[in-house]
Amino acid sequence: MKIRTDGAPASNNATEEKQDPTLAEVVRKLDTENLIEFLRGEEDLQLDEDDFKIISSMGPATTLVEFAQKKLRAFSSYRSLREVLAKYGMESEGIDAIPLFKPPPCD
């Protein structure tokens, strides 16, 4: 099976209708054990046994969810545009209160 890594269709000729799966599509279907075996074969990732133990014990989905939750915490602390504007001293119902950037004149 030919695997596309760039998102473009990989085909042997112009009349071939069936498209080969992308790398993301192939990896998405793997269970944890098969994913680890796949990653072991990827030399450019430079993963060591500790990395595989983490993936094995937590599972890739759990790791991804925890990462996403950490990143979203920074954005979820504000509930509305009004709260964000109030933090910066701009009481308003919209973004029209945000001053436009005025670049310094060039000499």
N, C-alpha and C. Protein backbone atom coordinates (compact mmCIF):
# COMPACT_ATOMS: atom_id res chain seq x y z
N MET A 1 0.85 -1.18 0.00
CA MET A 1 0.00 0.00 0.00
C MET A 1 0.89 1.24 0.00
N LYS A 2 0.54 2.18 -0.81
CA LYS A 2 1.26 3.45 -0.88
C LYS A 2 0.59 4.42 0.08
N ILE A 3 1.38 5.15 0.86
CA ILE A 3 0.85 6.10 1.83
C ILE A 3 1.25 7.50 1.43
N ARG A 4 0.26 8.39 1.40
CA ARG A 4 0.54 9.80 1.09
C ARG A 4 0.93 10.51 2.37
N THR A 5 1.97 11.33 2.32
CA THR A 5 2.37 12.10 3.50
C THR A 5 2.12 13.58 3.31
N ASP A 6 1.80 14.00 2.09
CA ASP A 6 1.63 15.43 1.83
C ASP A 6 0.18 15.83 1.62
N GLY A 7 -0.73 14.88 1.75
CA GLY A 7 -2.14 15.20 1.56
C GLY A 7 -2.59 15.10 0.11
N ALA A 8 -1.66 14.98 -0.83
CA ALA A 8 -2.02 14.87 -2.24
C ALA A 8 -2.27 13.42 -2.58
N PRO A 9 -3.14 13.16 -3.54
CA PRO A 9 -3.41 11.78 -3.92
C PRO A 9 -2.15 11.10 -4.45
N ALA A 10 -1.94 9.87 -4.03
CA ALA A 10 -0.82 9.09 -4.56
C ALA A 10 -1.41 8.02 -5.45
N SER A 11 -1.11 8.05 -6.72
CA SER A 11 -1.66 7.07 -7.63
C SER A 11 -0.59 6.65 -8.61
N ASN A 12 -0.80 5.46 -9.19
CA ASN A 12 0.15 4.93 -10.14
C ASN A 12 -0.11 5.43 -11.55
N ASN A 13 -1.35 5.76 -11.86
CA ASN A 13 -1.65 6.31 -13.18
C ASN A 13 -2.84 7.25 -13.09
N ALA A 14 -3.09 7.96 -14.18
CA ALA A 14 -4.13 8.99 -14.18
C ALA A 14 -5.53 8.42 -14.13
N THR A 15 -5.73 7.17 -14.54
CA THR A 15 -7.08 6.60 -14.57
C THR A 15 -7.45 5.90 -13.28
N GLU A 16 -6.53 5.76 -12.37
CA GLU A 16 -6.82 5.10 -11.11
C GLU A 16 -7.77 5.95 -10.28
N GLU A 17 -8.89 5.36 -9.83
CA GLU A 17 -9.90 6.10 -9.10
C GLU A 17 -9.70 6.05 -7.59
N LYS A 18 -9.26 4.92 -7.08
CA LYS A 18 -9.10 4.77 -5.64
C LYS A 18 -7.85 5.51 -5.18
N GLN A 19 -8.02 6.36 -4.15
CA GLN A 19 -6.89 7.11 -3.61
C GLN A 19 -6.29 6.35 -2.44
N ASP A 20 -4.98 6.38 -2.34
CA ASP A 20 -4.30 5.76 -1.22
C ASP A 20 -4.51 6.61 0.03
N PRO A 21 -4.54 5.98 1.21
CA PRO A 21 -4.79 6.75 2.44
C PRO A 21 -3.60 7.65 2.79
N THR A 22 -3.90 8.73 3.48
CA THR A 22 -2.84 9.60 3.98
C THR A 22 -2.22 8.95 5.21
N LEU A 23 -1.07 9.43 5.60
CA LEU A 23 -0.40 8.91 6.79
C LEU A 23 -1.27 9.12 8.03
N ALA A 24 -1.93 10.26 8.10
CA ALA A 24 -2.82 10.55 9.23
C ALA A 24 -3.97 9.55 9.30
N GLU A 25 -4.52 9.19 8.15
CA GLU A 25 -5.63 8.22 8.13
C GLU A 25 -5.17 6.85 8.58
N VAL A 26 -3.96 6.46 8.20
CA VAL A 26 -3.43 5.16 8.61
C VAL A 26 -3.17 5.14 10.11
N VAL A 27 -2.51 6.17 10.63
CA VAL A 27 -2.17 6.22 12.05
C VAL A 27 -3.42 6.30 12.91
N ARG A 28 -4.43 7.02 12.46
CA ARG A 28 -5.67 7.19 13.22
C ARG A 28 -6.35 5.85 13.50
N LYS A 29 -6.15 4.87 12.62
CA LYS A 29 -6.82 3.57 12.77
C LYS A 29 -6.04 2.60 13.65
N LEU A 30 -4.83 2.95 14.06
CA LEU A 30 -4.00 2.04 14.85
C LEU A 30 -4.40 2.05 16.32
N ASP A 31 -4.33 0.86 16.95
CA ASP A 31 -4.50 0.83 18.39
C ASP A 31 -3.16 1.18 19.03
N THR A 32 -3.11 1.28 20.34
CA THR A 32 -1.90 1.75 21.02
C THR A 32 -0.69 0.88 20.71
N GLU A 33 -0.86 -0.44 20.77
CA GLU A 33 0.26 -1.35 20.53
C GLU A 33 0.81 -1.21 19.11
N ASN A 34 -0.08 -1.16 18.13
CA ASN A 34 0.36 -1.01 16.75
C ASN A 34 0.94 0.38 16.48
N LEU A 35 0.41 1.39 17.17
CA LEU A 35 0.97 2.73 17.02
C LEU A 35 2.41 2.77 17.53
N ILE A 36 2.67 2.13 18.66
CA ILE A 36 4.03 2.09 19.19
C ILE A 36 4.96 1.38 18.22
N GLU A 37 4.51 0.27 17.64
CA GLU A 37 5.35 -0.44 16.67
C GLU A 37 5.61 0.43 15.44
N PHE A 38 4.60 1.17 15.00
CA PHE A 38 4.78 2.07 13.86
C PHE A 38 5.81 3.15 14.20
N LEU A 39 5.69 3.74 15.40
CA LEU A 39 6.61 4.81 15.80
C LEU A 39 8.03 4.30 15.98
N ARG A 40 8.19 3.04 16.40
CA ARG A 40 9.53 2.46 16.52
C ARG A 40 10.24 2.43 15.17
N GLY A 41 9.49 2.28 14.11
CA GLY A 41 10.07 2.22 12.77
C GLY A 41 10.42 3.58 12.19
N GLU A 42 9.96 4.65 12.82
CA GLU A 42 10.24 6.00 12.34
C GLU A 42 11.50 6.52 13.01
N GLU A 43 12.63 6.39 12.33
CA GLU A 43 13.93 6.74 12.92
C GLU A 43 14.09 8.24 13.15
N ASP A 44 13.48 9.07 12.31
CA ASP A 44 13.68 10.51 12.43
C ASP A 44 12.96 11.12 13.63
N LEU A 45 12.10 10.36 14.31
CA LEU A 45 11.41 10.88 15.49
C LEU A 45 12.28 10.88 16.74
N GLN A 46 13.32 10.05 16.76
CA GLN A 46 14.26 9.96 17.87
C GLN A 46 13.55 9.71 19.20
N LEU A 47 12.65 8.75 19.21
CA LEU A 47 11.94 8.38 20.44
C LEU A 47 12.75 7.32 21.17
N ASP A 48 12.75 7.36 22.51
CA ASP A 48 13.43 6.33 23.29
C ASP A 48 12.40 5.51 24.06
N GLU A 49 12.88 4.55 24.84
CA GLU A 49 11.98 3.64 25.55
C GLU A 49 11.07 4.37 26.54
N ASP A 50 11.56 5.45 27.16
CA ASP A 50 10.71 6.21 28.08
C ASP A 50 9.49 6.78 27.35
N ASP A 51 9.70 7.26 26.13
CA ASP A 51 8.59 7.81 25.35
C ASP A 51 7.55 6.73 25.07
N PHE A 52 8.02 5.53 24.72
CA PHE A 52 7.09 4.44 24.42
C PHE A 52 6.35 3.98 25.68
N LYS A 53 7.02 4.03 26.83
CA LYS A 53 6.35 3.67 28.09
C LYS A 53 5.22 4.65 28.40
N ILE A 54 5.47 5.93 28.16
CA ILE A 54 4.44 6.95 28.40
C ILE A 54 3.25 6.72 27.48
N ILE A 55 3.52 6.50 26.20
CA ILE A 55 2.43 6.26 25.24
C ILE A 55 1.67 5.00 25.62
N SER A 56 2.40 3.96 26.02
CA SER A 56 1.77 2.70 26.38
C SER A 56 0.91 2.81 27.62
N SER A 57 1.40 3.52 28.64
CA SER A 57 0.65 3.59 29.90
C SER A 57 -0.54 4.54 29.83
N MET A 58 -0.39 5.63 29.12
CA MET A 58 -1.46 6.62 29.07
C MET A 58 -2.32 6.49 27.83
N GLY A 59 -1.76 6.03 26.77
CA GLY A 59 -2.49 5.97 25.51
C GLY A 59 -2.42 7.30 24.80
N PRO A 60 -2.35 7.30 23.49
CA PRO A 60 -2.21 8.55 22.73
C PRO A 60 -3.41 9.48 22.87
N ALA A 61 -4.60 8.93 22.97
CA ALA A 61 -5.79 9.79 23.07
C ALA A 61 -5.80 10.55 24.39
N THR A 62 -5.43 9.87 25.47
CA THR A 62 -5.38 10.53 26.78
C THR A 62 -4.36 11.65 26.78
N THR A 63 -3.19 11.38 26.21
CA THR A 63 -2.14 12.39 26.16
C THR A 63 -2.60 13.60 25.36
N LEU A 64 -3.24 13.37 24.23
CA LEU A 64 -3.72 14.46 23.39
C LEU A 64 -4.78 15.29 24.10
N VAL A 65 -5.70 14.63 24.79
CA VAL A 65 -6.75 15.34 25.51
C VAL A 65 -6.16 16.21 26.62
N GLU A 66 -5.20 15.67 27.36
CA GLU A 66 -4.58 16.45 28.44
C GLU A 66 -3.85 17.66 27.89
N PHE A 67 -3.16 17.50 26.76
CA PHE A 67 -2.46 18.61 26.13
C PHE A 67 -3.45 19.68 25.71
N ALA A 68 -4.54 19.28 25.09
CA ALA A 68 -5.55 20.24 24.63
C ALA A 68 -6.18 20.98 25.81
N GLN A 69 -6.43 20.27 26.89
CA GLN A 69 -7.02 20.92 28.07
C GLN A 69 -6.09 21.97 28.65
N LYS A 70 -4.79 21.68 28.69
CA LYS A 70 -3.83 22.66 29.22
C LYS A 70 -3.80 23.90 28.36
N LYS A 71 -3.84 23.73 27.04
CA LYS A 71 -3.78 24.87 26.14
C LYS A 71 -5.07 25.68 26.19
N LEU A 72 -6.20 25.03 26.41
CA LEU A 72 -7.48 25.74 26.43
C LEU A 72 -7.71 26.50 27.74
N ARG A 73 -7.03 26.12 28.80
CA ARG A 73 -7.23 26.81 30.08
C ARG A 73 -6.95 28.30 29.98
N ALA A 74 -5.94 28.66 29.23
CA ALA A 74 -5.59 30.08 29.09
C ALA A 74 -6.72 30.86 28.44
N PHE A 75 -7.43 30.24 27.51
CA PHE A 75 -8.49 30.93 26.80
C PHE A 75 -9.84 30.83 27.51
N SER A 76 -10.01 29.83 28.34
CA SER A 76 -11.31 29.65 28.98
C SER A 76 -11.48 30.48 30.24
N SER A 77 -10.43 31.20 30.66
CA SER A 77 -10.57 32.00 31.87
C SER A 77 -11.47 33.21 31.65
N TYR A 78 -11.63 33.65 30.42
CA TYR A 78 -12.55 34.74 30.09
C TYR A 78 -13.84 34.14 29.55
N ARG A 79 -14.95 34.73 29.94
CA ARG A 79 -16.23 34.20 29.49
C ARG A 79 -16.82 34.98 28.34
N SER A 80 -16.40 36.22 28.16
CA SER A 80 -17.00 37.02 27.10
C SER A 80 -16.04 38.11 26.64
N LEU A 81 -16.37 38.70 25.52
CA LEU A 81 -15.60 39.82 24.99
C LEU A 81 -15.63 40.98 25.98
N ARG A 82 -16.76 41.18 26.63
CA ARG A 82 -16.89 42.27 27.60
C ARG A 82 -15.86 42.12 28.71
N GLU A 83 -15.65 40.91 29.21
CA GLU A 83 -14.67 40.68 30.27
C GLU A 83 -13.25 40.95 29.80
N VAL A 84 -12.94 40.55 28.58
CA VAL A 84 -11.60 40.80 28.03
C VAL A 84 -11.36 42.29 27.90
N LEU A 85 -12.33 43.01 27.33
CA LEU A 85 -12.17 44.46 27.17
C LEU A 85 -12.09 45.16 28.52
N ALA A 86 -12.87 44.71 29.50
CA ALA A 86 -12.84 45.32 30.83
C ALA A 86 -11.47 45.13 31.48
N LYS A 87 -10.83 43.99 31.24
CA LYS A 87 -9.51 43.75 31.80
C LYS A 87 -8.52 44.81 31.33
N TYR A 88 -8.68 45.27 30.11
CA TYR A 88 -7.76 46.26 29.54
C TYR A 88 -8.33 47.68 29.60
N GLY A 89 -9.35 47.87 30.43
CA GLY A 89 -9.89 49.21 30.67
C GLY A 89 -10.73 49.76 29.54
N MET A 90 -11.36 48.91 28.76
CA MET A 90 -12.20 49.36 27.65
C MET A 90 -13.60 48.83 27.86
N GLU A 91 -14.43 49.60 28.50
CA GLU A 91 -15.81 49.20 28.74
C GLU A 91 -16.61 49.40 27.45
N SER A 92 -17.05 48.32 26.84
CA SER A 92 -17.77 48.42 25.58
C SER A 92 -18.48 47.10 25.30
N GLU A 93 -19.39 47.15 24.36
CA GLU A 93 -20.10 45.96 23.92
C GLU A 93 -19.45 45.33 22.69
N GLY A 94 -18.46 46.00 22.11
CA GLY A 94 -17.87 45.48 20.89
C GLY A 94 -16.41 45.86 20.76
N ILE A 95 -15.84 45.46 19.64
CA ILE A 95 -14.43 45.71 19.42
C ILE A 95 -14.14 47.12 18.91
N ASP A 96 -15.18 47.92 18.70
CA ASP A 96 -14.96 49.28 18.20
C ASP A 96 -14.25 50.16 19.23
N ALA A 97 -14.19 49.73 20.49
CA ALA A 97 -13.50 50.50 21.52
C ALA A 97 -11.99 50.27 21.50
N ILE A 98 -11.54 49.26 20.79
CA ILE A 98 -10.11 48.97 20.72
C ILE A 98 -9.46 49.99 19.80
N PRO A 99 -8.47 50.73 20.29
CA PRO A 99 -7.84 51.76 19.45
C PRO A 99 -7.03 51.13 18.32
N LEU A 100 -7.05 51.78 17.18
CA LEU A 100 -6.28 51.31 16.04
C LEU A 100 -4.81 51.59 16.27
N PHE A 101 -3.98 50.75 15.71
CA PHE A 101 -2.53 50.93 15.80
C PHE A 101 -2.11 52.06 14.88
N LYS A 102 -1.37 52.99 15.42
CA LYS A 102 -0.86 54.11 14.62
C LYS A 102 0.66 54.02 14.58
N PRO A 103 1.20 53.61 13.46
CA PRO A 103 2.65 53.47 13.38
C PRO A 103 3.34 54.82 13.46
N PRO A 104 4.54 54.86 14.01
CA PRO A 104 5.27 56.13 14.08
C PRO A 104 5.67 56.58 12.67
N PRO A 105 5.69 57.89 12.44
CA PRO A 105 6.06 58.37 11.10
C PRO A 105 7.52 58.07 10.79
N CYS A 106 7.78 57.77 9.55
CA CYS A 106 9.15 57.50 9.10
C CYS A 106 9.76 58.79 8.58
N ASP A 107 10.97 59.04 8.94
CA ASP A 107 11.67 60.24 8.46
C ASP A 107 12.58 59.92 7.29
